[in-house]
Amino acid sequence: MRVEEVRVCIARVGGTNCDLETKLAFEDLGVRVDVVHMSRLVGRGLSDYHILVFPGGFSYGDHIRAGAVWAKELLAKLMGELKGFLEEGKPILGICNGFQVLVEAGLLPGFEGISPYPEAALATNNSNVYECRWVYLKHENRGNCVFTWKLDHGALVRMPVAHAEGKLVFPSGKAEKVLEKLYENDQLVFRYAKPDGTYAEGEYPYNPNGSFHDIAGICNPWGNVFGLMPHPERAYYGWQLPDWTRLREPPEYGDGRLIFESAVEYVARKF
């Protein structure tokens, strides 16, 4: 498939606010992108698309807890479509609130496919405040994740976070077993790190939310569903970098571009 034939669907509901930035990022790569409200997506379906994105924001005002309402709506109205999308190996990306939606819907960590109940949670930040800052991320994946295969293992990248509920936690008493499974399946994708490349080890503000094992992003066992709290669409262009004015010549692109580029090239080769 040619890159220009790749079609991306960015889903949205009331409260999402990062759909246009995400659209611009994908369009820069030459693909076709539609931002589709959930009410229209239910009637249209997903069969025409190759990549599905749940963007950042505050879906339904994060009523009950972040991502919970949209997740239940997805399962009630698009379960069959989601299953088909997954079985075809098509990529699904959840950014920030989208990550929260994927966890609440049981798509992540998704050890056995779509779980009938959440296997993890994204809880309130340890700081108990909304965290909006640039962070360092260490790439832990060994090639399984279709959104990061262009990144070297151990690569250090920068992206911003903007969330109040980003602390990834697992069921009490089972966290270590879940972590072991994540490593075994190559599902661990990003961990929060310090500028020198060492892990944050829970230290604030390098780990901005207190997430277990400094986890910032995970994928499913097949690598085609990926969720992360940082915003790659806000680190796509070089002029978006927080220190770009100090550079004599800022780079054309930031680290976030590799996330979108990896997915697009994967689809173009596979389908």
C-alpha atoms as a PDB file:
ATOM      1  CA  MET A   1       0.000   0.000   0.000  1.00  0.00           C
ATOM      2  CA  ARG A   2       1.197   3.506  -0.791  1.00  0.00           C
ATOM      3  CA  VAL A   3       1.511   5.916   2.130  1.00  0.00           C
ATOM      4  CA  GLU A   4      -1.057   8.280   0.612  1.00  0.00           C
ATOM      5  CA  GLU A   5      -3.613   5.453   0.696  1.00  0.00           C
ATOM      6  CA  VAL A   6      -3.314   5.002   4.474  1.00  0.00           C
ATOM      7  CA  ARG A   7      -6.432   6.256   6.236  1.00  0.00           C
ATOM      8  CA  VAL A   8      -6.428   7.388   9.860  1.00  0.00           C
ATOM      9  CA  CYS A   9      -9.502   7.825  12.035  1.00  0.00           C
ATOM     10  CA  ILE A  10      -9.186  10.155  15.017  1.00  0.00           C
ATOM     11  CA  ALA A  11     -12.220   9.577  17.202  1.00  0.00           C
ATOM     12  CA  ARG A  12     -13.616  12.359  19.358  1.00  0.00           C
ATOM     13  CA  VAL A  13     -16.404  13.082  21.828  1.00  0.00           C
ATOM     14  CA  GLY A  14     -17.317  16.041  24.005  1.00  0.00           C
ATOM     15  CA  GLY A  15     -14.212  17.071  25.908  1.00  0.00           C
ATOM     16  CA  THR A  16     -11.466  15.825  23.573  1.00  0.00           C
ATOM     17  CA  ASN A  17      -9.129  18.680  22.678  1.00  0.00           C
ATOM     18  CA  CYS A  18      -6.035  17.277  20.976  1.00  0.00           C
ATOM     19  CA  ASP A  19      -7.655  15.892  17.842  1.00  0.00           C
ATOM     20  CA  LEU A  20      -6.543  18.682  15.488  1.00  0.00           C
ATOM     21  CA  GLU A  21      -2.892  18.616  16.617  1.00  0.00           C
ATOM     22  CA  THR A  22      -2.895  14.843  16.087  1.00  0.00           C
ATOM     23  CA  LYS A  23      -4.504  15.276  12.678  1.00  0.00           C
ATOM     24  CA  LEU A  24      -1.822  17.762  11.596  1.00  0.00           C
ATOM     25  CA  ALA A  25       0.922  15.384  12.682  1.00  0.00           C
ATOM     26  CA  PHE A  26      -0.439  12.509  10.591  1.00  0.00           C
ATOM     27  CA  GLU A  27      -1.174  14.748   7.614  1.00  0.00           C
ATOM     28  CA  ASP A  28       2.442  15.917   7.593  1.00  0.00           C
ATOM     29  CA  LEU A  29       3.327  12.312   6.771  1.00  0.00           C
ATOM     30  CA  GLY A  30       1.072  12.358   3.710  1.00  0.00           C
ATOM     31  CA  VAL A  31      -1.785  10.146   4.903  1.00  0.00           C
ATOM     32  CA  ARG A  32      -5.538  10.772   4.824  1.00  0.00           C
ATOM     33  CA  VAL A  33      -7.036  11.712   8.177  1.00  0.00           C
ATOM     34  CA  ASP A  34     -10.631  12.043   9.375  1.00  0.00           C
ATOM     35  CA  VAL A  35     -11.662  13.414  12.756  1.00  0.00           C
ATOM     36  CA  VAL A  36     -14.939  11.619  13.443  1.00  0.00           C
ATOM     37  CA  HIS A  37     -17.321  12.208  16.337  1.00  0.00           C
ATOM     38  CA  MET A  38     -18.323   9.034  18.156  1.00  0.00           C
ATOM     39  CA  SER A  39     -21.985   9.479  17.211  1.00  0.00           C
ATOM     40  CA  ARG A  40     -21.052   9.346  13.508  1.00  0.00           C
ATOM     41  CA  LEU A  41     -18.438   6.644  13.954  1.00  0.00           C
ATOM     42  CA  VAL A  42     -21.041   4.231  15.318  1.00  0.00           C
ATOM     43  CA  GLY A  43     -22.964   4.425  12.053  1.00  0.00           C
ATOM     44  CA  ARG A  44     -19.924   4.597   9.781  1.00  0.00           C
ATOM     45  CA  GLY A  45     -17.831   1.830  11.356  1.00  0.00           C
ATOM     46  CA  LEU A  46     -14.064   1.317  11.199  1.00  0.00           C
ATOM     47  CA  SER A  47     -13.610  -0.855   8.115  1.00  0.00           C
ATOM     48  CA  ASP A  48     -12.430   2.032   5.908  1.00  0.00           C
ATOM     49  CA  TYR A  49      -9.566   2.912   8.258  1.00  0.00           C
ATOM     50  CA  HIS A  50      -6.102   1.497   8.902  1.00  0.00           C
ATOM     51  CA  ILE A  51      -5.184   3.395  12.100  1.00  0.00           C
ATOM     52  CA  LEU A  52      -7.509   4.359  14.962  1.00  0.00           C
ATOM     53  CA  VAL A  53      -6.581   7.098  17.429  1.00  0.00           C
ATOM     54  CA  PHE A  54      -8.095   8.154  20.738  1.00  0.00           C
ATOM     55  CA  PRO A  55      -6.636  11.614  21.394  1.00  0.00           C
ATOM     56  CA  GLY A  56      -6.012  13.558  24.570  1.00  0.00           C
ATOM     57  CA  GLY A  57      -8.432  15.794  26.414  1.00  0.00           C
ATOM     58  CA  PHE A  58     -11.123  15.246  29.004  1.00  0.00           C
ATOM     59  CA  SER A  59     -13.725  12.980  27.405  1.00  0.00           C
ATOM     60  CA  TYR A  60     -17.138  13.600  28.928  1.00  0.00           C
ATOM     61  CA  GLY A  61     -15.429  15.820  31.482  1.00  0.00           C
ATOM     62  CA  ASP A  62     -13.671  12.772  32.978  1.00  0.00           C
ATOM     63  CA  HIS A  63     -16.938  12.078  34.802  1.00  0.00           C
ATOM     64  CA  ILE A  64     -16.640   9.185  37.296  1.00  0.00           C
ATOM     65  CA  ARG A  65     -12.921   8.843  36.430  1.00  0.00           C
ATOM     66  CA  ALA A  66     -10.752   9.679  33.441  1.00  0.00           C
ATOM     67  CA  GLY A  67     -11.761   7.800  30.292  1.00  0.00           C
ATOM     68  CA  ALA A  68     -14.372   5.604  31.986  1.00  0.00           C
ATOM     69  CA  VAL A  69     -17.506   6.891  30.247  1.00  0.00           C
ATOM     70  CA  TRP A  70     -16.045   6.836  26.746  1.00  0.00           C
ATOM     71  CA  ALA A  71     -14.642   3.352  27.352  1.00  0.00           C
ATOM     72  CA  LYS A  72     -18.073   1.989  28.267  1.00  0.00           C
ATOM     73  CA  GLU A  73     -19.600   3.662  25.233  1.00  0.00           C
ATOM     74  CA  LEU A  74     -16.995   2.037  23.004  1.00  0.00           C
ATOM     75  CA  LEU A  75     -17.673  -1.420  24.402  1.00  0.00           C
ATOM     76  CA  ALA A  76     -21.434  -0.966  24.136  1.00  0.00           C
ATOM     77  CA  LYS A  77     -21.539   0.449  20.615  1.00  0.00           C
ATOM     78  CA  LEU A  78     -18.348  -0.609  18.798  1.00  0.00           C
ATOM     79  CA  MET A  79     -17.208  -3.876  20.391  1.00  0.00           C
ATOM     80  CA  GLY A  80     -17.563  -5.866  17.162  1.00  0.00           C
ATOM     81  CA  GLU A  81     -15.745  -3.212  15.140  1.00  0.00           C
ATOM     82  CA  LEU A  82     -12.914  -3.020  17.690  1.00  0.00           C
ATOM     83  CA  LYS A  83     -12.467  -6.794  17.712  1.00  0.00           C
ATOM     84  CA  GLY A  84     -12.281  -6.867  13.931  1.00  0.00           C
ATOM     85  CA  PHE A  85      -9.774  -4.014  13.904  1.00  0.00           C
ATOM     86  CA  LEU A  86      -7.586  -5.854  16.406  1.00  0.00           C
ATOM     87  CA  GLU A  87      -7.781  -9.190  14.614  1.00  0.00           C
ATOM     88  CA  GLU A  88      -6.616  -7.575  11.374  1.00  0.00           C
ATOM     89  CA  GLY A  89      -3.562  -6.244  13.187  1.00  0.00           C
ATOM     90  CA  LYS A  90      -4.467  -2.615  12.571  1.00  0.00           C
ATOM     91  CA  PRO A  91      -2.849  -0.106  14.979  1.00  0.00           C
ATOM     92  CA  ILE A  92      -4.774   1.628  17.760  1.00  0.00           C
ATOM     93  CA  LEU A  93      -3.198   4.585  19.573  1.00  0.00           C
ATOM     94  CA  GLY A  94      -4.340   6.160  22.825  1.00  0.00           C
ATOM     95  CA  ILE A  95      -2.699   9.438  23.885  1.00  0.00           C
ATOM     96  CA  CYS A  96      -3.161  10.662  27.485  1.00  0.00           C
ATOM     97  CA  ASN A  97      -6.965  10.553  27.866  1.00  0.00           C
ATOM     98  CA  GLY A  98      -6.924   8.040  25.029  1.00  0.00           C
ATOM     99  CA  PHE A  99      -4.583   5.838  27.072  1.00  0.00           C
ATOM    100  CA  GLN A 100      -7.035   6.097  29.957  1.00  0.00           C
ATOM    101  CA  VAL A 101      -9.841   5.041  27.608  1.00  0.00           C
ATOM    102  CA  LEU A 102      -7.905   1.991  26.358  1.00  0.00           C
ATOM    103  CA  VAL A 103      -7.164   0.876  29.922  1.00  0.00           C
ATOM    104  CA  GLU A 104     -10.758   1.372  31.068  1.00  0.00           C
ATOM    105  CA  ALA A 105     -12.031  -0.518  28.007  1.00  0.00           C
ATOM    106  CA  GLY A 106      -9.766  -3.504  28.745  1.00  0.00           C
ATOM    107  CA  LEU A 107      -7.654  -3.135  25.576  1.00  0.00           C
ATOM    108  CA  LEU A 108      -4.505  -2.513  27.636  1.00  0.00           C
ATOM    109  CA  PRO A 109      -2.572  -4.316  28.870  1.00  0.00           C
ATOM    110  CA  GLY A 110      -4.848  -6.794  27.062  1.00  0.00           C
ATOM    111  CA  PHE A 111      -2.986  -9.970  27.990  1.00  0.00           C
ATOM    112  CA  GLU A 112      -5.786 -12.137  26.589  1.00  0.00           C
ATOM    113  CA  GLY A 113      -7.290  -9.681  24.134  1.00  0.00           C
ATOM    114  CA  ILE A 114     -10.070  -7.316  25.242  1.00  0.00           C
ATOM    115  CA  SER A 115     -10.540  -7.918  28.957  1.00  0.00           C
ATOM    116  CA  PRO A 116     -14.115  -7.849  30.334  1.00  0.00           C
ATOM    117  CA  TYR A 117     -12.839  -5.611  33.141  1.00  0.00           C
ATOM    118  CA  PRO A 118      -9.939  -3.145  33.537  1.00  0.00           C
ATOM    119  CA  GLU A 119      -6.619  -4.852  34.325  1.00  0.00           C
ATOM    120  CA  ALA A 120      -4.981  -1.604  35.408  1.00  0.00           C
ATOM    121  CA  ALA A 121      -5.885   1.974  36.298  1.00  0.00           C
ATOM    122  CA  LEU A 122      -4.538   5.459  35.755  1.00  0.00           C
ATOM    123  CA  ALA A 123      -4.957   7.062  39.157  1.00  0.00           C
ATOM    124  CA  THR A 124      -4.574  10.606  40.471  1.00  0.00           C
ATOM    125  CA  ASN A 125      -1.027  11.946  40.353  1.00  0.00           C
ATOM    126  CA  ASN A 126       0.969  11.672  43.577  1.00  0.00           C
ATOM    127  CA  SER A 127       1.316  15.465  43.537  1.00  0.00           C
ATOM    128  CA  ASN A 128      -2.489  15.702  43.555  1.00  0.00           C
ATOM    129  CA  VAL A 129      -2.288  18.462  40.953  1.00  0.00           C
ATOM    130  CA  TYR A 130      -2.487  18.740  37.184  1.00  0.00           C
ATOM    131  CA  GLU A 131       1.014  18.141  35.810  1.00  0.00           C
ATOM    132  CA  CYS A 132       1.957  19.985  32.612  1.00  0.00           C
ATOM    133  CA  ARG A 133       5.687  19.647  31.909  1.00  0.00           C
ATOM    134  CA  TRP A 134       8.227  18.157  29.526  1.00  0.00           C
ATOM    135  CA  VAL A 135       9.606  14.782  30.547  1.00  0.00           C
ATOM    136  CA  TYR A 136      12.304  12.380  29.424  1.00  0.00           C
ATOM    137  CA  LEU A 137      11.318   8.892  28.322  1.00  0.00           C
ATOM    138  CA  LYS A 138      13.482   5.816  27.879  1.00  0.00           C
ATOM    139  CA  HIS A 139      12.424   3.428  25.140  1.00  0.00           C
ATOM    140  CA  GLU A 140      12.174  -0.087  26.599  1.00  0.00           C
ATOM    141  CA  ASN A 141      10.552  -1.975  23.745  1.00  0.00           C
ATOM    142  CA  ARG A 142      12.541  -4.493  21.724  1.00  0.00           C
ATOM    143  CA  GLY A 143      10.567  -4.143  18.499  1.00  0.00           C
ATOM    144  CA  ASN A 144       7.115  -5.498  19.317  1.00  0.00           C
ATOM    145  CA  CYS A 145       5.298  -2.140  19.375  1.00  0.00           C
ATOM    146  CA  VAL A 146       4.350  -0.970  15.884  1.00  0.00           C
ATOM    147  CA  PHE A 147       4.379   2.669  17.063  1.00  0.00           C
ATOM    148  CA  THR A 148       8.005   2.675  18.230  1.00  0.00           C
ATOM    149  CA  TRP A 149       9.877   0.167  16.061  1.00  0.00           C
ATOM    150  CA  LYS A 150      11.853   3.032  14.493  1.00  0.00           C
ATOM    151  CA  LEU A 151      13.272   3.933  17.912  1.00  0.00           C
ATOM    152  CA  ASP A 152      16.393   2.182  19.147  1.00  0.00           C
ATOM    153  CA  HIS A 153      16.089   0.165  22.333  1.00  0.00           C
ATOM    154  CA  GLY A 154      17.236   2.399  25.174  1.00  0.00           C
ATOM    155  CA  ALA A 155      16.755   5.628  23.205  1.00  0.00           C
ATOM    156  CA  LEU A 156      16.069   8.737  25.302  1.00  0.00           C
ATOM    157  CA  VAL A 157      13.328  11.028  23.987  1.00  0.00           C
ATOM    158  CA  ARG A 158      11.431  14.118  25.182  1.00  0.00           C
ATOM    159  CA  MET A 159       7.704  14.776  25.146  1.00  0.00           C
ATOM    160  CA  PRO A 160       5.315  16.819  27.302  1.00  0.00           C
ATOM    161  CA  VAL A 161       2.729  15.471  29.735  1.00  0.00           C
ATOM    162  CA  ALA A 162      -0.512  17.224  30.671  1.00  0.00           C
ATOM    163  CA  HIS A 163      -2.707  15.232  33.025  1.00  0.00           C
ATOM    164  CA  ALA A 164      -4.125  14.926  36.524  1.00  0.00           C
ATOM    165  CA  GLU A 165      -4.646  11.143  36.449  1.00  0.00           C
ATOM    166  CA  GLY A 166      -1.586   9.483  34.952  1.00  0.00           C
ATOM    167  CA  LYS A 167      -0.304   7.221  37.709  1.00  0.00           C
ATOM    168  CA  LEU A 168      -0.366   3.706  36.240  1.00  0.00           C
ATOM    169  CA  VAL A 169      -1.195   1.134  38.892  1.00  0.00           C
ATOM    170  CA  PHE A 170      -2.033  -2.560  38.866  1.00  0.00           C
ATOM    171  CA  PRO A 171      -4.172  -4.694  41.231  1.00  0.00           C
ATOM    172  CA  SER A 172      -2.901  -4.801  44.798  1.00  0.00           C
ATOM    173  CA  GLY A 173      -0.467  -7.650  45.369  1.00  0.00           C
ATOM    174  CA  LYS A 174      -0.209  -8.446  41.647  1.00  0.00           C
ATOM    175  CA  ALA A 175       1.901  -5.567  40.353  1.00  0.00           C
ATOM    176  CA  GLU A 176       5.184  -7.507  40.231  1.00  0.00           C
ATOM    177  CA  LYS A 177       3.579 -10.430  38.386  1.00  0.00           C
ATOM    178  CA  VAL A 178       2.002  -8.032  35.896  1.00  0.00           C
ATOM    179  CA  LEU A 179       5.358  -6.319  35.393  1.00  0.00           C
ATOM    180  CA  GLU A 180       7.027  -9.665  34.753  1.00  0.00           C
ATOM    181  CA  LYS A 181       4.399 -10.418  32.123  1.00  0.00           C
ATOM    182  CA  LEU A 182       4.878  -7.023  30.474  1.00  0.00           C
ATOM    183  CA  TYR A 183       8.592  -7.675  30.109  1.00  0.00           C
ATOM    184  CA  GLU A 184       8.050 -11.251  28.963  1.00  0.00           C
ATOM    185  CA  ASN A 185       5.632 -10.156  26.217  1.00  0.00           C
ATOM    186  CA  ASP A 186       7.688  -7.079  25.244  1.00  0.00           C
ATOM    187  CA  GLN A 187       4.763  -4.835  26.198  1.00  0.00           C
ATOM    188  CA  LEU A 188       6.712  -2.255  28.156  1.00  0.00           C
ATOM    189  CA  VAL A 189       7.346   0.681  25.813  1.00  0.00           C
ATOM    190  CA  PHE A 190       8.340   3.853  27.712  1.00  0.00           C
ATOM    191  CA  ARG A 191       9.607   4.573  31.223  1.00  0.00           C
ATOM    192  CA  TYR A 192      10.088   8.003  32.750  1.00  0.00           C
ATOM    193  CA  ALA A 193      13.765   8.929  32.965  1.00  0.00           C
ATOM    194  CA  LYS A 194      16.171  11.643  34.037  1.00  0.00           C
ATOM    195  CA  PRO A 195      18.065  13.863  31.576  1.00  0.00           C
ATOM    196  CA  ASP A 196      21.153  11.664  31.923  1.00  0.00           C
ATOM    197  CA  GLY A 197      19.218   8.597  30.756  1.00  0.00           C
ATOM    198  CA  THR A 198      18.910   6.869  34.119  1.00  0.00           C
ATOM    199  CA  TYR A 199      15.458   5.830  35.270  1.00  0.00           C
ATOM    200  CA  ALA A 200      13.400   8.254  37.336  1.00  0.00           C
ATOM    201  CA  GLU A 201      12.979   5.640  40.100  1.00  0.00           C
ATOM    202  CA  GLY A 202       9.775   7.388  41.142  1.00  0.00           C
ATOM    203  CA  GLU A 203      11.554  10.698  41.759  1.00  0.00           C
ATOM    204  CA  TYR A 204       9.468  13.801  41.118  1.00  0.00           C
ATOM    205  CA  PRO A 205       9.339  15.647  38.747  1.00  0.00           C
ATOM    206  CA  TYR A 206      11.151  13.162  36.452  1.00  0.00           C
ATOM    207  CA  ASN A 207       8.317  10.738  37.145  1.00  0.00           C
ATOM    208  CA  PRO A 208       5.519  13.330  37.113  1.00  0.00           C
ATOM    209  CA  ASN A 209       2.739  11.173  38.535  1.00  0.00           C
ATOM    210  CA  GLY A 210       4.186   8.351  40.651  1.00  0.00           C
ATOM    211  CA  SER A 211       3.468   5.688  38.038  1.00  0.00           C
ATOM    212  CA  PHE A 212       4.541   2.158  39.046  1.00  0.00           C
ATOM    213  CA  HIS A 213       8.001   1.226  37.737  1.00  0.00           C
ATOM    214  CA  ASP A 214       8.149   4.666  36.046  1.00  0.00           C
ATOM    215  CA  ILE A 215       5.849   3.326  33.309  1.00  0.00           C
ATOM    216  CA  ALA A 216       4.772   5.969  30.798  1.00  0.00           C
ATOM    217  CA  GLY A 217       3.486   3.748  27.980  1.00  0.00           C
ATOM    218  CA  ILE A 218       2.612   0.118  27.238  1.00  0.00           C
ATOM    219  CA  CYS A 219       1.327  -1.908  24.300  1.00  0.00           C
ATOM    220  CA  ASN A 220      -0.721  -5.099  24.011  1.00  0.00           C
ATOM    221  CA  PRO A 221       0.986  -8.499  23.453  1.00  0.00           C
ATOM    222  CA  TRP A 222       0.645  -8.167  19.665  1.00  0.00           C
ATOM    223  CA  GLY A 223       2.086  -4.654  19.637  1.00  0.00           C
ATOM    224  CA  ASN A 224      -0.721  -3.018  17.659  1.00  0.00           C
ATOM    225  CA  VAL A 225      -2.448  -1.278  20.601  1.00  0.00           C
ATOM    226  CA  PHE A 226      -0.334   1.395  22.264  1.00  0.00           C
ATOM    227  CA  GLY A 227      -1.154   3.840  25.036  1.00  0.00           C
ATOM    228  CA  LEU A 228       1.032   6.532  26.568  1.00  0.00           C
ATOM    229  CA  MET A 229       0.510   9.487  28.870  1.00  0.00           C
ATOM    230  CA  PRO A 230       2.947  11.912  27.134  1.00  0.00           C
ATOM    231  CA  HIS A 231       1.779  13.770  24.021  1.00  0.00           C
ATOM    232  CA  PRO A 232       3.795  12.932  20.865  1.00  0.00           C
ATOM    233  CA  GLU A 233       1.678  15.332  18.794  1.00  0.00           C
ATOM    234  CA  ARG A 234       2.985  18.172  20.965  1.00  0.00           C
ATOM    235  CA  ALA A 235       6.567  17.112  20.261  1.00  0.00           C
ATOM    236  CA  TYR A 236       6.181  16.601  16.520  1.00  0.00           C
ATOM    237  CA  TYR A 237       7.830  19.760  15.191  1.00  0.00           C
ATOM    238  CA  GLY A 238      11.137  21.203  16.284  1.00  0.00           C
ATOM    239  CA  TRP A 239       9.555  24.568  17.073  1.00  0.00           C
ATOM    240  CA  GLN A 240       7.396  22.850  19.696  1.00  0.00           C
ATOM    241  CA  LEU A 241      10.449  21.986  21.811  1.00  0.00           C
ATOM    242  CA  PRO A 242      10.605  23.968  25.064  1.00  0.00           C
ATOM    243  CA  ASP A 243      14.133  25.197  24.404  1.00  0.00           C
ATOM    244  CA  TRP A 244      13.951  25.785  20.653  1.00  0.00           C
ATOM    245  CA  THR A 245      14.706  29.512  20.988  1.00  0.00           C
ATOM    246  CA  ARG A 246      18.096  28.721  22.560  1.00  0.00           C
ATOM    247  CA  LEU A 247      19.155  26.698  19.552  1.00  0.00           C
ATOM    248  CA  ARG A 248      20.838  28.407  16.622  1.00  0.00           C
ATOM    249  CA  GLU A 249      18.932  26.114  14.300  1.00  0.00           C
ATOM    250  CA  PRO A 250      16.117  24.093  15.900  1.00  0.00           C
ATOM    251  CA  PRO A 251      15.545  20.660  14.357  1.00  0.00           C
ATOM    252  CA  GLU A 252      12.772  20.339  11.805  1.00  0.00           C
ATOM    253  CA  TYR A 253      11.074  17.649  13.882  1.00  0.00           C
ATOM    254  CA  GLY A 254      10.872  16.542  17.498  1.00  0.00           C
ATOM    255  CA  ASP A 255      10.920  13.030  18.937  1.00  0.00           C
ATOM    256  CA  GLY A 256       7.147  12.651  18.717  1.00  0.00           C
ATOM    257  CA  ARG A 257       7.296  12.315  14.946  1.00  0.00           C
ATOM    258  CA  LEU A 258       8.792   8.831  15.236  1.00  0.00           C
ATOM    259  CA  ILE A 259       5.606   7.543  16.904  1.00  0.00           C
ATOM    260  CA  PHE A 260       3.411   8.530  13.972  1.00  0.00           C
ATOM    261  CA  GLU A 261       6.006   7.658  11.353  1.00  0.00           C
ATOM    262  CA  SER A 262       6.450   4.135  12.757  1.00  0.00           C
ATOM    263  CA  ALA A 263       2.709   3.419  12.573  1.00  0.00           C
ATOM    264  CA  VAL A 264       2.290   4.801   9.059  1.00  0.00           C
ATOM    265  CA  GLU A 265       5.248   2.840   7.653  1.00  0.00           C
ATOM    266  CA  TYR A 266       4.022  -0.329   9.400  1.00  0.00           C
ATOM    267  CA  VAL A 267       0.592  -0.013   7.764  1.00  0.00           C
ATOM    268  CA  ALA A 268       2.025   0.838   4.349  1.00  0.00           C
ATOM    269  CA  ARG A 269       4.160  -2.324   4.440  1.00  0.00           C
ATOM    270  CA  LYS A 270       1.556  -4.676   5.906  1.00  0.00           C
ATOM    271  CA  PHE A 271      -1.646  -3.811   4.063  1.00  0.00           C
END
